[in-house]
Amino acid sequence: MKEKVVVIYSGGMDSFTVLHKAIEEGKAVYPLTFNYGQRHSKEVDVAAQVCKTLNVPHKVVDISAINQLMAGSSLTSDIDIPEGHYEEDSMKSTVVPNRNMVLLSMAIAYAVSIEANAVYYGAHSGDHAIYPDCRPEFVHKMNEVSQIANYEPVDIVSPYIKNNKIEILADGLRMGLDYGQTWTCYNGREQSCGVCGSCQERLEAFAKNGLTDPLAYESS
């Protein structure tokens, strides 16, 4: 019997790659997607479509009411999404207070309930400077807590914690993944904007891998 793992799956590039990494490792995946009131909620629909295609059990959990406790981010509040390269100063406004601790806590609870051994999520090195809850020390401490928070220990696994977006994309391409099945843009419009930090980082990753992004852009 395959080992069960929960995958926090947003519908973005990183979690899409993590999901398929777990599948490649032979795990039985249980993707978990959260609607926490993010303006780029189009990624939730993209995640649902991918899971339907893969025929894997997928839960979409609406926790949007919680955004009144996680205010002050341009992803959840009425604040302009920053444009330009993915740099610390410009992207700090996209930090959602305590997001990954909240999401990991719920994913751990789900893992315990279905007798899964691990929770996978897509923290990576490109996020370390900007998002405190993507740093290796955060993952390490959360993993320690996850071992003792329930009668059943649950491992927190971040396969790309030491890799940047360019390297994550390269591994996904090695797996033959179609990144037209992902959504990255922080603006939840019909097409990706091409100018927000998230789009800029994505476009750079494709350029560094010598490829053109399969998604359509308003501007690039």
C-alpha atoms as a PDB file:
ATOM      1  CA  MET A   1       0.000   0.000   0.000  1.00  0.00           C
ATOM      2  CA  LYS A   2       1.282   3.456  -0.914  1.00  0.00           C
ATOM      3  CA  GLU A   3       2.210   5.900   1.833  1.00  0.00           C
ATOM      4  CA  LYS A   4      -0.407   8.630   2.191  1.00  0.00           C
ATOM      5  CA  VAL A   5       0.744  12.261   2.139  1.00  0.00           C
ATOM      6  CA  VAL A   6      -1.152  15.521   2.228  1.00  0.00           C
ATOM      7  CA  VAL A   7       0.058  18.128  -0.274  1.00  0.00           C
ATOM      8  CA  ILE A   8      -0.751  21.790   0.313  1.00  0.00           C
ATOM      9  CA  TYR A   9      -1.617  22.606  -3.272  1.00  0.00           C
ATOM     10  CA  SER A  10      -2.345  26.221  -4.219  1.00  0.00           C
ATOM     11  CA  GLY A  11      -2.449  25.739  -7.984  1.00  0.00           C
ATOM     12  CA  GLY A  12       0.803  27.658  -8.475  1.00  0.00           C
ATOM     13  CA  MET A  13       4.054  26.502 -10.066  1.00  0.00           C
ATOM     14  CA  ASP A  14       5.799  25.451  -6.888  1.00  0.00           C
ATOM     15  CA  SER A  15       2.998  23.407  -5.340  1.00  0.00           C
ATOM     16  CA  PHE A  16       2.185  21.903  -8.764  1.00  0.00           C
ATOM     17  CA  THR A  17       5.761  20.637  -8.926  1.00  0.00           C
ATOM     18  CA  VAL A  18       5.667  19.431  -5.307  1.00  0.00           C
ATOM     19  CA  LEU A  19       2.442  17.528  -6.011  1.00  0.00           C
ATOM     20  CA  HIS A  20       4.025  15.698  -8.932  1.00  0.00           C
ATOM     21  CA  LYS A  21       7.246  15.171  -6.989  1.00  0.00           C
ATOM     22  CA  ALA A  22       5.268  13.282  -4.350  1.00  0.00           C
ATOM     23  CA  ILE A  23       3.536  11.261  -7.063  1.00  0.00           C
ATOM     24  CA  GLU A  24       6.915  10.472  -8.640  1.00  0.00           C
ATOM     25  CA  GLU A  25       8.111   9.276  -5.228  1.00  0.00           C
ATOM     26  CA  GLY A  26       5.258   6.763  -5.212  1.00  0.00           C
ATOM     27  CA  LYS A  27       3.092   8.472  -2.618  1.00  0.00           C
ATOM     28  CA  ALA A  28      -0.696   8.410  -2.489  1.00  0.00           C
ATOM     29  CA  VAL A  29      -1.386  12.143  -2.617  1.00  0.00           C
ATOM     30  CA  TYR A  30      -4.219  13.986  -0.917  1.00  0.00           C
ATOM     31  CA  PRO A  31      -4.054  17.563  -2.235  1.00  0.00           C
ATOM     32  CA  LEU A  32      -5.463  20.265   0.026  1.00  0.00           C
ATOM     33  CA  THR A  33      -6.280  23.725  -1.343  1.00  0.00           C
ATOM     34  CA  PHE A  34      -7.220  26.723   0.779  1.00  0.00           C
ATOM     35  CA  ASN A  35      -9.320  29.711  -0.198  1.00  0.00           C
ATOM     36  CA  TYR A  36      -8.170  32.232   2.399  1.00  0.00           C
ATOM     37  CA  GLY A  37      -9.606  35.276   0.647  1.00  0.00           C
ATOM     38  CA  GLN A  38      -6.655  35.762  -1.716  1.00  0.00           C
ATOM     39  CA  ARG A  39      -7.463  37.985  -4.679  1.00  0.00           C
ATOM     40  CA  HIS A  40      -5.746  35.537  -7.031  1.00  0.00           C
ATOM     41  CA  SER A  41      -8.328  32.856  -6.202  1.00  0.00           C
ATOM     42  CA  LYS A  42      -8.264  31.743  -9.837  1.00  0.00           C
ATOM     43  CA  GLU A  43      -5.467  29.423  -8.719  1.00  0.00           C
ATOM     44  CA  VAL A  44      -8.046  27.458  -6.695  1.00  0.00           C
ATOM     45  CA  ASP A  45      -9.987  26.613  -9.869  1.00  0.00           C
ATOM     46  CA  VAL A  46      -6.761  25.671 -11.643  1.00  0.00           C
ATOM     47  CA  ALA A  47      -5.847  23.338  -8.765  1.00  0.00           C
ATOM     48  CA  ALA A  48      -9.255  21.672  -8.877  1.00  0.00           C
ATOM     49  CA  GLN A  49      -8.948  21.009 -12.610  1.00  0.00           C
ATOM     50  CA  VAL A  50      -5.487  19.452 -12.241  1.00  0.00           C
ATOM     51  CA  CYS A  51      -6.674  17.146  -9.449  1.00  0.00           C
ATOM     52  CA  LYS A  52      -9.690  16.121 -11.504  1.00  0.00           C
ATOM     53  CA  THR A  53      -7.388  15.228 -14.400  1.00  0.00           C
ATOM     54  CA  LEU A  54      -5.089  13.266 -12.084  1.00  0.00           C
ATOM     55  CA  ASN A  55      -8.107  11.588 -10.453  1.00  0.00           C
ATOM     56  CA  VAL A  56      -6.800  12.190  -6.941  1.00  0.00           C
ATOM     57  CA  PRO A  57      -8.880  13.047  -3.846  1.00  0.00           C
ATOM     58  CA  HIS A  58      -8.898  16.830  -3.549  1.00  0.00           C
ATOM     59  CA  LYS A  59     -10.283  19.048  -0.822  1.00  0.00           C
ATOM     60  CA  VAL A  60     -10.880  22.774  -1.278  1.00  0.00           C
ATOM     61  CA  VAL A  61     -11.400  24.419   2.101  1.00  0.00           C
ATOM     62  CA  ASP A  62     -12.928  27.869   2.355  1.00  0.00           C
ATOM     63  CA  ILE A  63     -11.280  29.727   5.214  1.00  0.00           C
ATOM     64  CA  SER A  64     -11.850  33.144   3.695  1.00  0.00           C
ATOM     65  CA  ALA A  65     -13.477  34.381   6.898  1.00  0.00           C
ATOM     66  CA  ILE A  66     -10.048  34.193   8.507  1.00  0.00           C
ATOM     67  CA  ASN A  67      -8.702  37.034   6.382  1.00  0.00           C
ATOM     68  CA  GLN A  68     -10.131  39.520   8.877  1.00  0.00           C
ATOM     69  CA  LEU A  69      -7.411  38.189  11.208  1.00  0.00           C
ATOM     70  CA  MET A  70      -4.745  38.128   8.477  1.00  0.00           C
ATOM     71  CA  ALA A  71      -5.176  41.652   7.138  1.00  0.00           C
ATOM     72  CA  GLY A  72      -2.556  44.055   5.868  1.00  0.00           C
ATOM     73  CA  SER A  73      -1.372  42.016   2.891  1.00  0.00           C
ATOM     74  CA  SER A  74      -1.876  43.119  -0.699  1.00  0.00           C
ATOM     75  CA  LEU A  75      -3.009  39.548  -1.412  1.00  0.00           C
ATOM     76  CA  THR A  76      -5.983  39.769   0.951  1.00  0.00           C
ATOM     77  CA  SER A  77      -6.642  43.489   1.518  1.00  0.00           C
ATOM     78  CA  ASP A  78      -7.392  46.482  -0.694  1.00  0.00           C
ATOM     79  CA  ILE A  79      -3.721  47.288  -1.291  1.00  0.00           C
ATOM     80  CA  ASP A  80      -2.121  47.534  -4.726  1.00  0.00           C
ATOM     81  CA  ILE A  81      -0.139  44.504  -5.856  1.00  0.00           C
ATOM     82  CA  PRO A  82       3.517  45.586  -6.251  1.00  0.00           C
ATOM     83  CA  GLU A  83       5.019  45.499  -9.712  1.00  0.00           C
ATOM     84  CA  GLY A  84       8.580  44.793 -10.752  1.00  0.00           C
ATOM     85  CA  HIS A  85      11.183  42.202  -9.859  1.00  0.00           C
ATOM     86  CA  TYR A  86      10.711  39.849  -6.934  1.00  0.00           C
ATOM     87  CA  GLU A  87      12.708  41.824  -4.372  1.00  0.00           C
ATOM     88  CA  GLU A  88      12.337  42.006  -0.603  1.00  0.00           C
ATOM     89  CA  ASP A  89      11.360  45.669  -0.324  1.00  0.00           C
ATOM     90  CA  SER A  90       8.689  45.595  -3.011  1.00  0.00           C
ATOM     91  CA  MET A  91       7.245  42.192  -2.084  1.00  0.00           C
ATOM     92  CA  LYS A  92       6.875  42.625   1.669  1.00  0.00           C
ATOM     93  CA  SER A  93       3.322  43.861   1.118  1.00  0.00           C
ATOM     94  CA  THR A  94       2.396  40.375  -0.158  1.00  0.00           C
ATOM     95  CA  VAL A  95       3.250  38.705   3.152  1.00  0.00           C
ATOM     96  CA  VAL A  96       0.081  37.277   4.707  1.00  0.00           C
ATOM     97  CA  PRO A  97       0.518  37.235   8.511  1.00  0.00           C
ATOM     98  CA  ASN A  98       1.259  33.726   9.790  1.00  0.00           C
ATOM     99  CA  ARG A  99      -0.217  32.129   6.665  1.00  0.00           C
ATOM    100  CA  ASN A 100       1.898  29.002   6.447  1.00  0.00           C
ATOM    101  CA  MET A 101       1.657  28.256  10.156  1.00  0.00           C
ATOM    102  CA  VAL A 102      -2.132  28.405   9.869  1.00  0.00           C
ATOM    103  CA  LEU A 103      -2.266  26.316   6.698  1.00  0.00           C
ATOM    104  CA  LEU A 104       0.242  23.766   7.952  1.00  0.00           C
ATOM    105  CA  SER A 105      -1.692  23.353  11.200  1.00  0.00           C
ATOM    106  CA  MET A 106      -4.858  22.486   9.283  1.00  0.00           C
ATOM    107  CA  ALA A 107      -2.991  20.234   6.878  1.00  0.00           C
ATOM    108  CA  ILE A 108      -1.439  18.359   9.806  1.00  0.00           C
ATOM    109  CA  ALA A 109      -4.890  17.858  11.311  1.00  0.00           C
ATOM    110  CA  TYR A 110      -6.112  16.489   7.979  1.00  0.00           C
ATOM    111  CA  ALA A 111      -3.094  14.186   7.763  1.00  0.00           C
ATOM    112  CA  VAL A 112      -3.813  12.767  11.213  1.00  0.00           C
ATOM    113  CA  SER A 113      -7.486  12.230  10.329  1.00  0.00           C
ATOM    114  CA  ILE A 114      -6.697  10.217   7.181  1.00  0.00           C
ATOM    115  CA  GLU A 115      -3.646   8.491   8.695  1.00  0.00           C
ATOM    116  CA  ALA A 116      -1.173  10.211   6.372  1.00  0.00           C
ATOM    117  CA  ASN A 117       2.472  10.273   7.400  1.00  0.00           C
ATOM    118  CA  ALA A 118       3.525  13.641   5.989  1.00  0.00           C
ATOM    119  CA  VAL A 119       2.489  17.060   4.768  1.00  0.00           C
ATOM    120  CA  TYR A 120       4.287  18.396   1.682  1.00  0.00           C
ATOM    121  CA  TYR A 121       4.474  22.114   0.890  1.00  0.00           C
ATOM    122  CA  GLY A 122       6.338  24.290  -1.563  1.00  0.00           C
ATOM    123  CA  ALA A 123       8.663  26.535   0.441  1.00  0.00           C
ATOM    124  CA  HIS A 124      11.781  27.316  -1.579  1.00  0.00           C
ATOM    125  CA  SER A 125      14.982  29.315  -1.317  1.00  0.00           C
ATOM    126  CA  GLY A 126      13.736  32.188  -3.456  1.00  0.00           C
ATOM    127  CA  ASP A 127      11.183  33.003  -0.766  1.00  0.00           C
ATOM    128  CA  HIS A 128      13.510  32.953   2.252  1.00  0.00           C
ATOM    129  CA  ALA A 129      14.282  36.665   2.318  1.00  0.00           C
ATOM    130  CA  ILE A 130      10.687  37.752   1.801  1.00  0.00           C
ATOM    131  CA  TYR A 131       8.505  35.217   3.584  1.00  0.00           C
ATOM    132  CA  PRO A 132       9.588  34.255   7.129  1.00  0.00           C
ATOM    133  CA  ASP A 133       7.370  31.143   7.007  1.00  0.00           C
ATOM    134  CA  CYS A 134       9.341  29.726   4.078  1.00  0.00           C
ATOM    135  CA  ARG A 135      12.702  29.747   5.845  1.00  0.00           C
ATOM    136  CA  PRO A 136      14.442  26.443   6.659  1.00  0.00           C
ATOM    137  CA  GLU A 137      14.408  27.265  10.386  1.00  0.00           C
ATOM    138  CA  PHE A 138      10.628  27.726  10.275  1.00  0.00           C
ATOM    139  CA  VAL A 139      10.144  24.391   8.505  1.00  0.00           C
ATOM    140  CA  HIS A 140      12.465  22.717  11.008  1.00  0.00           C
ATOM    141  CA  LYS A 141      10.649  24.108  14.045  1.00  0.00           C
ATOM    142  CA  MET A 142       7.206  23.353  12.625  1.00  0.00           C
ATOM    143  CA  ASN A 143       8.332  19.801  11.937  1.00  0.00           C
ATOM    144  CA  GLU A 144       9.441  19.473  15.557  1.00  0.00           C
ATOM    145  CA  VAL A 145       6.036  20.660  16.756  1.00  0.00           C
ATOM    146  CA  SER A 146       4.266  18.380  14.291  1.00  0.00           C
ATOM    147  CA  GLN A 147       6.003  15.361  15.843  1.00  0.00           C
ATOM    148  CA  ILE A 148       4.440  16.017  19.249  1.00  0.00           C
ATOM    149  CA  ALA A 149       1.193  17.901  18.541  1.00  0.00           C
ATOM    150  CA  ASN A 150      -0.796  14.681  18.107  1.00  0.00           C
ATOM    151  CA  TYR A 151      -0.511  11.057  19.134  1.00  0.00           C
ATOM    152  CA  GLU A 152       0.574  10.356  15.551  1.00  0.00           C
ATOM    153  CA  PRO A 153       3.726  12.193  14.392  1.00  0.00           C
ATOM    154  CA  VAL A 154       3.474  13.894  10.992  1.00  0.00           C
ATOM    155  CA  ASP A 155       6.517  14.918   8.953  1.00  0.00           C
ATOM    156  CA  ILE A 156       6.595  18.285   7.201  1.00  0.00           C
ATOM    157  CA  VAL A 157       8.372  17.893   3.882  1.00  0.00           C
ATOM    158  CA  SER A 158       9.593  20.750   1.666  1.00  0.00           C
ATOM    159  CA  PRO A 159      11.361  19.056  -1.263  1.00  0.00           C
ATOM    160  CA  TYR A 160      12.602  22.345  -2.724  1.00  0.00           C
ATOM    161  CA  ILE A 161      13.613  24.199   0.424  1.00  0.00           C
ATOM    162  CA  LYS A 162      17.161  24.597  -0.954  1.00  0.00           C
ATOM    163  CA  ASN A 163      16.129  25.333  -4.556  1.00  0.00           C
ATOM    164  CA  ASN A 164      15.052  28.483  -6.367  1.00  0.00           C
ATOM    165  CA  LYS A 165      12.224  28.863  -8.894  1.00  0.00           C
ATOM    166  CA  ILE A 166      14.560  28.250 -11.822  1.00  0.00           C
ATOM    167  CA  GLU A 167      15.657  24.907 -10.366  1.00  0.00           C
ATOM    168  CA  ILE A 168      12.107  23.929  -9.405  1.00  0.00           C
ATOM    169  CA  LEU A 169      10.933  24.537 -12.960  1.00  0.00           C
ATOM    170  CA  ALA A 170      13.871  22.544 -14.305  1.00  0.00           C
ATOM    171  CA  ASP A 171      12.877  19.562 -12.150  1.00  0.00           C
ATOM    172  CA  GLY A 172       9.274  19.866 -13.263  1.00  0.00           C
ATOM    173  CA  LEU A 173      10.338  19.946 -16.890  1.00  0.00           C
ATOM    174  CA  ARG A 174      12.401  16.828 -16.242  1.00  0.00           C
ATOM    175  CA  MET A 175       9.155  15.214 -15.052  1.00  0.00           C
ATOM    176  CA  GLY A 176       7.455  16.348 -18.253  1.00  0.00           C
ATOM    177  CA  LEU A 177       5.020  18.692 -16.513  1.00  0.00           C
ATOM    178  CA  ASP A 178       2.791  21.134 -18.380  1.00  0.00           C
ATOM    179  CA  TYR A 179       2.979  24.512 -16.642  1.00  0.00           C
ATOM    180  CA  GLY A 180       0.055  25.736 -18.683  1.00  0.00           C
ATOM    181  CA  GLN A 181      -1.902  23.961 -15.926  1.00  0.00           C
ATOM    182  CA  THR A 182      -0.719  26.425 -13.257  1.00  0.00           C
ATOM    183  CA  TRP A 183      -1.533  29.968 -12.177  1.00  0.00           C
ATOM    184  CA  THR A 184       1.056  32.300 -10.661  1.00  0.00           C
ATOM    185  CA  CYS A 185      -0.128  35.900 -11.110  1.00  0.00           C
ATOM    186  CA  TYR A 186      -1.089  37.766  -7.930  1.00  0.00           C
ATOM    187  CA  ASN A 187      -3.758  39.649  -9.915  1.00  0.00           C
ATOM    188  CA  GLY A 188      -6.725  37.348 -10.425  1.00  0.00           C
ATOM    189  CA  ARG A 189      -7.618  38.561 -13.902  1.00  0.00           C
ATOM    190  CA  GLU A 190      -8.383  36.574 -17.052  1.00  0.00           C
ATOM    191  CA  GLN A 191      -4.735  36.648 -18.144  1.00  0.00           C
ATOM    192  CA  SER A 192      -1.540  36.911 -16.129  1.00  0.00           C
ATOM    193  CA  CYS A 193      -0.442  40.545 -15.793  1.00  0.00           C
ATOM    194  CA  GLY A 194       3.249  39.928 -16.537  1.00  0.00           C
ATOM    195  CA  VAL A 195       4.372  42.793 -14.306  1.00  0.00           C
ATOM    196  CA  CYS A 196       3.759  41.737 -10.703  1.00  0.00           C
ATOM    197  CA  GLY A 197       6.684  40.231  -8.807  1.00  0.00           C
ATOM    198  CA  SER A 198       5.256  36.738  -9.027  1.00  0.00           C
ATOM    199  CA  CYS A 199       4.861  36.928 -12.818  1.00  0.00           C
ATOM    200  CA  GLN A 200       8.330  38.416 -13.167  1.00  0.00           C
ATOM    201  CA  GLU A 201       9.904  35.568 -11.197  1.00  0.00           C
ATOM    202  CA  ARG A 202       7.983  33.001 -13.249  1.00  0.00           C
ATOM    203  CA  LEU A 203       8.989  34.572 -16.568  1.00  0.00           C
ATOM    204  CA  GLU A 204      12.608  34.691 -15.426  1.00  0.00           C
ATOM    205  CA  ALA A 205      12.510  30.979 -14.539  1.00  0.00           C
ATOM    206  CA  PHE A 206      11.294  30.078 -18.029  1.00  0.00           C
ATOM    207  CA  ALA A 207      13.859  32.377 -19.659  1.00  0.00           C
ATOM    208  CA  LYS A 208      16.695  30.847 -17.616  1.00  0.00           C
ATOM    209  CA  ASN A 209      15.525  27.408 -18.741  1.00  0.00           C
ATOM    210  CA  GLY A 210      15.533  28.577 -22.381  1.00  0.00           C
ATOM    211  CA  LEU A 211      11.775  28.283 -22.784  1.00  0.00           C
ATOM    212  CA  THR A 212       8.699  30.434 -23.337  1.00  0.00           C
ATOM    213  CA  ASP A 213       5.975  30.335 -20.688  1.00  0.00           C
ATOM    214  CA  PRO A 214       2.866  28.570 -22.060  1.00  0.00           C
ATOM    215  CA  LEU A 215       0.558  31.056 -20.306  1.00  0.00           C
ATOM    216  CA  ALA A 216      -0.787  34.158 -22.063  1.00  0.00           C
ATOM    217  CA  TYR A 217       0.192  37.526 -20.594  1.00  0.00           C
ATOM    218  CA  GLU A 218      -1.266  41.007 -20.719  1.00  0.00           C
ATOM    219  CA  SER A 219       2.300  42.320 -20.693  1.00  0.00           C
ATOM    220  CA  SER A 220       5.706  40.628 -20.745  1.00  0.00           C
END
